[in-house]
Protein backbone atom coordinates (compact mmCIF):
# COMPACT_ATOMS: atom_id res chain seq x y z
CA MET A 1 61.69 48.98 44.40
CA LYS A 2 59.42 47.46 41.66
CA LEU A 3 60.78 44.12 40.16
CA ASN A 4 60.81 43.44 36.59
CA ARG A 5 59.55 39.76 35.90
CA THR A 6 61.17 39.63 32.36
CA ALA A 7 64.35 40.51 33.85
CA ILE A 8 64.00 38.09 36.55
CA VAL A 9 63.30 35.25 34.34
CA GLY A 10 65.96 36.35 31.61
CA ALA A 11 68.68 36.14 34.53
CA LEU A 12 67.65 32.61 35.58
CA LEU A 13 67.81 31.45 32.25
CA ILE A 14 71.27 33.23 31.69
CA GLY A 15 72.30 31.54 34.76
CA GLY A 16 71.61 28.26 33.80
CA ILE A 17 68.75 27.73 35.93
CA ALA A 18 65.42 26.49 34.61
CA PHE A 19 62.13 26.13 36.44
CA VAL A 20 59.88 23.40 34.83
CA THR A 21 56.67 22.42 35.83
CA PRO A 22 56.40 18.83 36.35
CA SER A 23 54.31 16.84 34.14
CA CYS A 24 51.49 14.77 36.04
CA LYS A 25 49.09 12.79 34.11
CA LYS A 26 46.12 12.12 36.35
CA LYS A 27 45.49 8.47 37.15
CA GLY A 28 42.02 6.89 37.51
CA CYS A 29 39.91 4.17 35.96
CA THR A 30 40.10 4.25 32.14
CA ASP A 31 37.78 1.79 31.33
CA VAL A 32 34.31 3.17 30.18
CA ASN A 33 32.31 -0.46 31.32
CA ALA A 34 33.71 0.14 34.83
CA THR A 35 31.51 1.63 37.57
CA ASN A 36 34.22 4.00 38.43
CA TYR A 37 35.11 5.16 35.15
CA ASN A 38 37.03 8.44 35.37
CA PRO A 39 36.76 10.50 32.12
CA GLU A 40 39.60 12.85 32.90
CA ALA A 41 41.86 10.06 33.63
CA LYS A 42 44.71 9.44 31.60
CA LYS A 43 46.20 6.36 33.00
CA ASP A 44 44.94 3.77 35.23
CA ASP A 45 45.83 4.00 39.07
CA PRO A 46 47.06 0.25 40.37
CA ASP A 47 46.47 1.79 43.88
CA ASN A 48 42.50 1.96 43.07
CA PRO A 49 41.59 -0.28 40.14
CA CYS A 50 38.68 -0.38 38.28
CA VAL A 51 35.41 -1.80 39.68
CA TYR A 52 32.93 -3.54 37.40
CA PRO A 53 29.21 -4.18 38.17
CA SER A 54 28.24 -7.72 39.23
CA TRP A 55 26.67 -8.75 35.71
CA TYR A 56 30.23 -8.06 33.58
CA THR A 57 33.35 -10.24 33.34
CA GLU A 58 35.54 -10.86 30.70
CA VAL A 59 36.03 -14.34 29.22
CA GLU A 60 38.04 -15.76 26.11
CA TYR A 61 36.71 -18.04 23.29
CA SER A 62 39.16 -19.42 20.64
CA GLY A 63 41.80 -16.61 21.70
CA THR A 64 39.18 -13.65 21.53
CA VAL A 65 38.17 -11.84 24.46
CA TYR A 66 34.52 -10.94 25.09
CA LYS A 67 33.12 -8.78 27.67
CA GLN A 68 30.28 -11.34 28.81
CA ILE A 69 27.07 -10.12 30.65
CA THR A 70 24.95 -12.27 32.67
CA GLY A 71 22.11 -11.58 35.35
CA THR A 72 20.33 -8.47 35.62
CA LEU A 73 21.19 -4.94 34.65
CA THR A 74 20.20 -2.53 37.19
CA GLU A 75 21.37 0.47 35.91
CA ASP A 76 21.71 2.46 32.45
CA TYR A 77 24.34 0.38 30.05
CA THR A 78 26.00 0.82 26.56
CA LEU A 79 27.04 -1.73 24.39
CA ASP A 80 29.35 -0.05 21.93
CA ALA A 81 30.33 -1.20 18.44
CA ASN A 82 33.95 -1.56 18.83
CA SER A 83 33.77 -4.27 21.66
CA ASN A 84 33.17 -8.23 21.58
CA TRP A 85 30.02 -8.39 23.77
CA LEU A 86 28.44 -11.66 25.08
CA LEU A 87 25.26 -13.04 26.44
CA SER A 88 25.34 -16.01 29.08
CA GLY A 89 22.16 -17.27 30.65
CA GLY A 90 19.45 -14.93 31.19
CA VAL A 91 20.09 -11.18 30.78
CA PHE A 92 17.47 -9.12 32.10
CA VAL A 93 17.43 -5.03 31.92
CA GLY A 94 15.60 -4.28 35.37
CA ASP A 95 12.97 -2.10 36.01
CA GLY A 96 14.14 1.56 35.79
CA ALA A 97 17.37 0.63 33.54
CA THR A 98 17.72 1.04 29.86
CA LEU A 99 20.05 -0.98 27.77
CA THR A 100 21.61 1.13 24.68
CA ILE A 101 23.08 -0.87 21.80
CA ASP A 102 25.17 1.21 19.38
CA ALA A 103 24.75 0.90 15.62
CA GLY A 104 26.84 -1.75 13.99
CA THR A 105 27.38 -3.88 17.43
CA THR A 106 27.67 -7.65 17.04
CA VAL A 107 26.13 -9.37 20.49
CA TYR A 108 27.19 -12.82 20.68
CA THR A 109 25.41 -15.51 22.61
CA ALA A 110 27.42 -17.94 24.76
CA ASP A 111 28.05 -21.70 24.35
CA ASP A 112 28.83 -22.65 27.82
CA GLY A 113 25.81 -24.73 28.95
CA THR A 114 23.31 -21.88 29.48
CA VAL A 115 20.35 -20.95 27.76
CA PRO A 116 21.29 -17.19 26.92
CA PHE A 117 18.24 -14.82 26.19
CA LEU A 118 17.95 -10.97 26.60
CA ALA A 119 14.52 -9.99 28.38
CA ILE A 120 13.57 -6.58 29.03
CA SER A 121 11.37 -6.54 32.16
CA GLN A 122 8.51 -4.41 32.76
CA GLY A 123 9.77 -0.95 33.44
CA GLY A 124 12.95 -1.49 31.89
CA LYS A 125 13.89 -0.41 28.26
CA ILE A 126 16.03 -1.24 25.40
CA ASN A 127 17.48 1.37 23.01
CA ALA A 128 18.92 -0.44 20.03
CA CYS A 129 18.83 1.31 16.62
CA GLY A 130 21.24 0.10 13.88
CA THR A 131 21.11 1.50 10.43
CA ALA A 132 20.39 -0.21 7.10
CA THR A 133 24.35 -0.30 6.72
CA ASP A 134 25.36 -0.80 10.22
CA PRO A 135 22.43 -3.18 11.83
CA ILE A 136 22.79 -4.57 15.39
CA VAL A 137 23.15 -8.48 15.19
CA PHE A 138 22.62 -11.02 17.58
CA THR A 139 24.27 -14.52 16.91
CA PRO A 140 25.79 -17.65 18.52
CA VAL A 141 29.79 -17.24 19.36
CA SER A 142 29.82 -20.56 18.03
CA SER A 143 31.57 -21.37 14.39
CA THR A 144 29.08 -23.59 13.62
CA PRO A 145 25.51 -21.84 14.74
CA ALA A 146 22.15 -23.74 14.59
CA ALA A 147 18.83 -23.03 14.93
CA GLY A 148 18.08 -22.99 18.62
CA ASP A 149 21.19 -21.88 19.72
CA TRP A 150 19.76 -19.55 22.26
CA GLY A 151 16.58 -18.00 23.19
CA GLY A 152 16.17 -14.67 21.68
CA ILE A 153 15.04 -11.02 22.56
CA ILE A 154 11.72 -10.98 24.67
CA LEU A 155 10.19 -7.41 25.74
CA ASN A 156 7.57 -7.76 28.80
CA GLY A 157 5.45 -5.07 29.22
CA TYR A 158 2.34 -3.67 31.25
CA ALA A 159 -0.08 -3.68 28.49
CA PRO A 160 -3.24 -5.77 28.74
CA ILE A 161 -3.47 -9.36 27.84
CA ASN A 162 -6.60 -11.76 28.09
CA THR A 163 -5.33 -14.56 30.43
CA GLY A 164 -5.38 -12.57 33.55
CA ALA A 165 -4.14 -9.61 35.08
CA THR A 166 -0.32 -10.71 34.62
CA ALA A 167 1.52 -13.95 32.90
CA GLU A 168 4.95 -15.69 33.00
CA GLY A 169 6.86 -15.78 29.97
CA GLU A 170 7.90 -19.04 28.77
CA GLY A 171 11.39 -20.14 29.77
CA GLY A 172 11.37 -18.11 33.16
CA THR A 173 11.72 -14.82 30.71
CA GLY A 174 9.75 -12.66 33.26
CA THR A 175 6.18 -11.34 34.28
CA TYR A 176 4.03 -9.28 31.71
CA GLY A 177 0.56 -7.92 31.06
CA GLY A 178 -1.22 -5.05 33.07
CA THR A 179 -3.53 -2.28 32.25
CA ASP A 180 -1.10 0.53 30.58
CA ALA A 181 -1.87 0.27 26.76
CA ALA A 182 0.66 3.16 26.01
CA ASP A 183 3.28 1.53 28.02
CA ASN A 184 6.85 1.97 26.67
CA SER A 185 9.44 -0.64 26.61
CA GLY A 186 11.86 1.33 24.32
CA THR A 187 12.73 1.20 20.55
CA MET A 188 14.30 -1.62 18.23
CA CYS A 189 15.01 -0.87 14.89
CA TYR A 190 17.61 -2.43 12.22
CA VAL A 191 18.24 -5.26 14.41
CA ARG A 192 18.73 -9.10 12.86
CA VAL A 193 18.45 -12.35 15.44
CA GLU A 194 20.08 -15.35 14.48
CA TYR A 195 19.74 -19.01 15.26
CA ALA A 196 17.43 -18.23 18.14
CA GLY A 197 14.01 -20.11 19.50
CA LYS A 198 15.49 -22.25 21.99
CA LEU A 199 13.17 -25.52 22.77
CA LEU A 200 13.21 -25.87 26.62
CA SER A 201 10.43 -28.59 26.38
CA VAL A 202 7.25 -29.54 25.08
CA ASN A 203 5.02 -26.34 24.70
CA ASN A 204 7.85 -24.37 26.43
CA GLU A 205 9.94 -22.60 23.58
CA LEU A 206 11.50 -19.47 22.96
CA ASN A 207 11.40 -17.43 19.83
CA GLY A 208 13.42 -15.04 17.57
CA PHE A 209 11.58 -11.95 19.05
CA SER A 210 8.57 -12.37 21.69
CA PHE A 211 6.49 -9.36 22.66
CA ASN A 212 4.90 -10.08 25.80
CA GLY A 213 2.06 -7.42 26.63
CA VAL A 214 4.18 -4.64 25.01
CA GLY A 215 2.48 -1.57 24.74
CA SER A 216 2.23 1.00 22.03
CA GLY A 217 4.70 3.28 23.40
CA THR A 218 7.25 1.13 21.72
CA THR A 219 8.83 1.90 18.73
CA LEU A 220 9.68 -1.52 16.54
CA HIS A 221 10.61 -1.55 13.03
CA HIS A 222 13.33 -3.25 10.50
CA LEU A 223 13.70 -6.37 12.37
CA GLN A 224 14.77 -9.82 10.93
CA ALA A 225 14.19 -13.30 12.69
CA TYR A 226 17.07 -15.48 10.99
CA ARG A 227 16.66 -19.27 11.01
CA GLY A 228 15.19 -19.70 14.54
CA ASN A 229 13.83 -23.13 15.81
CA ASP A 230 10.61 -21.58 16.89
CA ASP A 231 8.74 -18.66 15.81
CA GLY A 232 10.06 -15.62 13.97
CA PHE A 233 7.72 -12.96 16.10
CA GLU A 234 5.13 -13.86 18.63
CA PHE A 235 2.96 -11.38 20.32
CA PHE A 236 1.29 -12.74 23.64
CA GLY A 237 -1.32 -9.48 24.00
CA GLY A 238 -0.32 -6.05 24.22
CA THR A 239 -0.90 -3.26 21.79
CA VAL A 240 2.54 -2.70 20.20
CA SER A 241 2.87 -2.35 16.45
CA LEU A 242 5.32 -3.71 14.30
CA THR A 243 6.50 -2.46 10.73
CA TYR A 244 9.18 -3.65 8.08
CA ALA A 245 9.58 -7.43 9.57
CA LEU A 246 11.42 -10.27 7.79
CA SER A 247 10.92 -13.82 9.41
CA THR A 248 13.60 -16.08 7.34
CA GLY A 249 13.73 -19.72 7.63
CA ASN A 250 12.50 -20.10 10.85
CA GLY A 251 11.09 -23.68 12.21
CA ASP A 252 7.73 -23.11 13.40
CA ASP A 253 5.26 -20.30 12.47
CA SER A 254 7.01 -17.31 10.90
CA PHE A 255 4.36 -14.56 12.80
CA ASP A 256 2.28 -15.43 15.69
CA TRP A 257 -0.14 -13.84 17.88
CA THR A 258 -2.47 -14.63 20.98
CA HIS A 259 -3.69 -13.53 24.15
CA GLY A 260 -5.36 -10.18 22.90
CA TRP A 261 -2.86 -8.51 20.61
CA SER A 262 -4.32 -5.45 19.15
CA GLY A 263 -1.45 -3.55 17.61
CA THR A 264 -1.04 -3.04 13.75
CA GLY A 265 1.49 -4.41 11.25
CA GLU A 266 2.63 -3.31 7.95
CA ASN A 267 5.26 -4.65 5.42
CA TRP A 268 5.74 -8.00 6.65
CA ILE A 269 7.43 -10.75 4.93
CA VAL A 270 7.72 -14.57 5.20
CA GLU A 271 10.55 -16.58 3.69
CA GLN A 272 10.35 -20.20 4.40
CA ASP A 273 13.02 -22.88 4.05
CA PRO A 274 11.87 -25.48 1.71
CA THR A 275 12.54 -28.02 4.69
CA THR A 276 11.39 -26.36 7.65
CA GLY A 277 8.88 -24.19 8.73
CA ASP A 278 4.69 -24.44 9.58
CA ARG A 279 2.59 -21.50 8.74
CA GLY A 280 3.34 -18.13 7.42
CA ILE A 281 0.85 -16.63 10.32
CA GLU A 282 -0.71 -18.50 13.02
CA ALA A 283 -3.61 -16.09 14.67
CA ASP A 284 -5.25 -17.01 18.16
CA ASN A 285 -7.25 -15.10 20.25
CA ASN A 286 -7.33 -17.60 23.35
CA GLY A 287 -7.32 -21.41 23.23
CA ASP A 288 -9.00 -21.75 26.43
CA ASN A 289 -11.78 -19.02 26.01
CA ASN A 290 -12.13 -18.10 22.36
CA SER A 291 -14.32 -15.14 23.47
CA ALA A 292 -11.73 -13.76 26.28
CA SER A 293 -11.27 -10.05 26.19
CA PRO A 294 -9.46 -8.04 25.22
CA MET A 295 -9.78 -9.78 21.93
CA SER A 296 -6.78 -10.19 19.66
CA SER A 297 -7.77 -7.60 16.96
CA PRO A 298 -4.84 -6.39 15.01
CA THR A 299 -4.66 -4.38 11.78
CA LEU A 300 -2.25 -5.89 9.00
CA SER A 301 -1.67 -4.71 5.65
CA LYS A 302 1.42 -5.28 2.81
CA ILE A 303 2.00 -9.10 3.80
CA THR A 304 3.99 -11.20 1.77
CA ILE A 305 4.34 -14.79 2.52
CA MET A 306 6.54 -17.24 0.47
CA GLY A 307 6.25 -20.74 1.57
CA ARG A 308 7.72 -23.93 1.43
CA GLY A 309 5.75 -25.31 -1.77
CA VAL A 310 2.49 -26.85 -2.36
CA SER A 311 4.04 -30.51 -1.66
CA ALA A 312 4.67 -29.31 2.20
CA GLY A 313 1.14 -29.10 3.01
CA LYS A 314 1.13 -25.85 4.50
CA VAL A 315 -0.99 -22.94 5.67
CA GLY A 316 -0.21 -19.41 4.67
CA ILE A 317 -2.42 -17.86 7.12
CA LYS A 318 -4.43 -19.71 9.82
CA LEU A 319 -6.86 -17.64 11.65
CA ARG A 320 -8.34 -19.64 14.61
CA GLU A 321 -9.27 -19.65 18.34
CA GLY A 322 -11.61 -16.40 18.18
CA THR A 323 -9.25 -13.93 16.54
CA ALA A 324 -10.61 -10.88 15.06
CA GLY A 325 -8.52 -8.41 12.95
CA ILE A 326 -8.54 -6.37 9.56
CA LEU A 327 -5.77 -7.76 7.26
CA SER A 328 -5.60 -6.12 3.63
CA ASN A 329 -3.04 -6.23 0.65
CA ILE A 330 -1.56 -9.80 0.99
CA LEU A 331 0.35 -11.91 -1.44
CA ILE A 332 0.38 -15.56 -0.69
CA GLU A 333 3.08 -18.15 -2.61
CA ASP A 334 3.62 -21.59 -2.67
CA CYS A 335 1.30 -23.03 -0.14
CA ALA A 336 -1.08 -25.73 -0.06
CA THR A 337 -3.95 -23.68 1.62
CA GLY A 338 -3.83 -19.60 1.42
CA ILE A 339 -6.09 -18.80 4.23
CA ASP A 340 -7.90 -21.49 7.12
CA ILE A 341 -10.35 -19.81 9.25
CA GLN A 342 -11.26 -22.11 12.21
CA HIS A 343 -13.57 -22.43 15.19
CA ASP A 344 -17.09 -20.92 16.09
CA VAL A 345 -15.72 -17.75 17.58
CA THR A 346 -13.50 -16.60 14.78
CA VAL A 347 -16.15 -17.35 12.16
CA ALA A 348 -18.56 -15.37 13.93
CA ASN A 349 -16.16 -12.66 14.22
CA VAL A 350 -16.62 -12.57 10.29
CA THR A 351 -20.14 -12.44 10.19
CA ALA A 352 -19.71 -9.54 12.75
CA GLY A 353 -17.25 -7.71 10.39
CA THR A 354 -14.43 -7.68 13.20
CA LEU A 355 -12.53 -10.08 11.26
CA ASP A 356 -12.15 -8.93 7.68
CA ILE A 357 -9.93 -9.99 4.97
CA SER A 358 -9.41 -8.15 1.57
CA GLY A 359 -7.20 -7.71 -1.28
CA VAL A 360 -5.37 -11.26 -1.27
CA THR A 361 -3.42 -12.68 -4.36
CA THR A 362 -2.44 -16.37 -4.38
CA THR A 363 0.37 -17.93 -6.42
CA ASN A 364 0.57 -21.51 -6.81
CA VAL A 365 -1.63 -22.34 -3.97
CA THR A 366 -3.85 -25.45 -4.35
CA THR A 367 -6.96 -24.07 -2.23
CA ASP A 368 -7.65 -20.50 -1.62
CA ILE A 369 -9.69 -20.69 1.37
CA VAL A 370 -10.97 -23.30 4.09
CA VAL A 371 -13.54 -22.69 6.43
CA SER A 372 -14.21 -24.73 9.55
CA ALA A 373 -17.00 -24.49 12.14
CA THR A 374 -19.66 -26.31 13.97
CA THR A 375 -23.56 -26.44 13.13
CA GLY A 376 -25.25 -23.48 13.50
CA THR A 377 -22.37 -21.02 12.68
CA ASP A 378 -22.44 -19.03 9.62
CA SER A 379 -19.36 -20.62 7.92
CA THR A 380 -21.42 -20.32 4.75
CA ASN A 381 -21.03 -16.12 5.27
CA ALA A 382 -17.39 -16.73 6.06
CA ALA A 383 -16.48 -18.82 3.28
CA THR A 384 -18.18 -16.27 0.76
CA MET A 385 -16.12 -13.47 2.34
CA GLY A 386 -12.89 -15.30 1.87
CA ALA A 387 -13.57 -16.07 -1.61
CA ALA A 388 -14.23 -12.67 -2.38
CA ALA A 389 -11.14 -11.51 -0.55
CA VAL A 390 -8.78 -13.66 -2.92
CA ASP A 391 -9.47 -11.06 -5.69
CA GLY A 392 -6.04 -11.09 -7.34
CA THR A 393 -5.23 -7.32 -6.42
CA GLY A 394 -2.72 -7.95 -3.42
CA THR A 395 0.74 -6.75 -4.14
CA GLY A 396 2.05 -7.79 -0.67
CA ALA A 397 5.15 -5.99 1.01
CA ASP A 398 6.90 -3.39 -0.43
CA SER A 399 10.13 -3.78 -2.20
CA GLY A 400 13.77 -2.29 -1.37
CA TRP A 401 13.45 -1.82 2.25
CA THR A 402 15.38 -5.43 3.07
CA THR A 403 18.52 -4.37 1.54
CA GLY A 404 21.87 -4.30 3.21
CA TRP A 405 20.92 -5.07 6.65
CA THR A 406 19.30 -8.69 6.19
CA LYS A 407 20.50 -11.99 6.02
CA ALA A 408 19.36 -14.53 3.09
CA LEU A 409 18.21 -18.21 3.39
């Protein structure tokens, strides 16, 4: 006999009997920060709690819980914009790992007696791209932040330097240098670093952004270094390029290069605080061997330098220790000296045409150009070139691109 399924169900319901499929929510770890996160879990399993990587813990500051990171990240990791992140001590992104930071994320740095910094190790990568309306911000957790509260962001690449095959970053921030000019350390855009530049000891300082042997495969644009204690941006060799960069109120040089940097730069702005800051740009090749190869030889254009005022006695651009480079379309304001060229090899680069400056406008500058070299070096030619360079045609950086994501003095 063939049974009628509908009739059976109806009979059971009439008889007051109902079969209900039991509701069972799948248990597991629901925290995306855990190594055993289960995206299908609906509730946590008390018998199998979440497991976190060794670099992750939770701490509380003034009643707010922060997700603290310290040590070395050995696998891919993401910082989301909805959490309070905290760096304690040196945080390294290890070889083969990528640190992703979502747009709009604020990353705080601890006030716990450590020296916080973020270092991307050779072979590691950072993927940190904010937007003009949702920048990524690194800032101290302190309610009264000050210049030098932490160490800033350091990228260590495999691109060439001229101090040896490799070198060690200041403050124990990692090894850098190599032979891969096209090395890729990742991407950073619309990132603001505040109150960095930790002074560790004499001639051992960290900056807002340090680019150590970073290769041309790395993408850097729309970055601001705000009120740091040392340099805003510093290049130690490498081939990386940087566009749309703003150094605001930093305590030493706003932009600094040395040890063979040969990338490009465009749309750089220097805003010095009236009470602090040294040079707008300090440009070196190698202090121990001015002729060292590969020679620093960047190509820069659209540069605006707003200095501290003539009375501070500072220089807009100092070119020394053998640097070469092509610099054009420059606006220098409120400096005692516009351009200062020093040392024999640097001056020789002018004569050879490997250091060339053109399209410079100076405003409220006492001396447009100074050239210093020993007897026998063609400093006369350098001075002549320099005088011709200051022709009043420089307009400096484009306007408008700092709106929305930067912080003013």
